[in-house]
Amino acid sequence: MATEAVNGEPVNSAGYSAALYHLFNHAFFKALLFLSAGSVIHAVHTNDMRDMGGLSKSMPITSRVMLFGSLALAGIIPFSGFFSKGEILSVTFDAGADHPGFYLLYLLGLLTAFLTAFYAFRLWFMTFHGEYRGHDHPHESPRVMTTPLLILAGFTLISGLLAYPMQGFGNLVFFGRPEAGFPLVGIPPVHYLLEALSLGVAGLGIWLAWSIYETKRIPAERFTRAPGGAFIHRMLTKRYWIDDAYDAFGRTVVYGIARGLDWFDRTAIDGIVNAVGRGGMRVAVESDLFDRRVIDGAVNALSLETVRTSWRLRQRQTGQVQNYAWVVVVGIVAVVVLLFGFSFLQRFLGGR
């Protein structure tokens, strides 16, 4: 972590304030570029730059605001990207004094600055310069689309100058802690050289894009066919082989883990589930037998006996009055016999 002397005091310049400042600026010029691309696509009905070209004549507003965004993205002074990107590179370079590995990061940052400027102006030259290669009749977008572009273009131009009168952008986002902000005074002279180097690298990227896609002085095939250029071209088209690494990782590690989990699922999980299922079927079969033989048997026996009893009682109901009278007489006689028999037994037993 590098420090700088500001008014005799060491000031932390870890880089997070510069990064947030760049994010702040990035919000303007990247939004401007995306909306400008939408304006172009709205006009030509395609997103293939090979079918564009010469649109600066028919789309002057979109052409100029997209130039603003490209200059800011490339880090060209006085646009906003110059200030924040340069601060990030300077802080990274300073960190190399304590950790030499940061010098490699600084070189990678310069390479990225070169490539960013190159592809940004490759886009701009192929889209707005040369002859139109499409089939439609492009026209400028309506005001409802161009007005936001003009507003964003204005912020893209001036937002880079906002941090310096504000006593450090980091003070705004880190609750007034002065050690969080990048210094505004006492900047070492080497930082001016670093800014100039960053600006020169970006200018080199713009010049290369101009030479290849505008003037055609340098054929693009020279870079794709030369040994070193072919390697760089392949490296960039293959995206540094990161996707290939992901694919290889997926085919070996992830696929192996997936096969292992599949085996575990089929042998262990499915085995447990199938065993539980077979046990459940056995319990269901036994429950069915118990239900049909015991529960249903008891219910059916009770209902059958109820039917039989009702049938016997029904036999007693003949519907003839003489039968009912005979039953009444027999009942009375039985009651009388019981009463006299009970009285006789009492006397007989009492007399003894």
Foldseek 3Di string as FASTA:
>chain_A
DFWAADVNDTFAPQPPLLVVLLVVLCVLLVVLLVLLLVQLCVFQVDNDLQQAAQCCVQAVLSLVLLVLSLCLQLLAPPFQNVQSLLSNLVSLVRVCVVPVVSVVVSVVSLVVSLVSLQVSLLSSRSHNHDDRRHDDDGHYDDCVSSVVSVVSSVCRRCSNVPQQVVQFSLCVVVVNDNSRGDHNPNDDPVSVVSSVSSNVSSVVSNVVSCCCRPVNVDDPVVQCPDPNSVVVVVCVVCVVVPVVVVVVCCVPVVVVVVVVVVVCCVPPVVVVVVVVVVVVVVVVVVVVVCCVCPVVVVVVVVVVVVVVVVVVVVVQPPVDVVSVVVVVVVVVVVVVVVVVVVVVVVVVVVVD
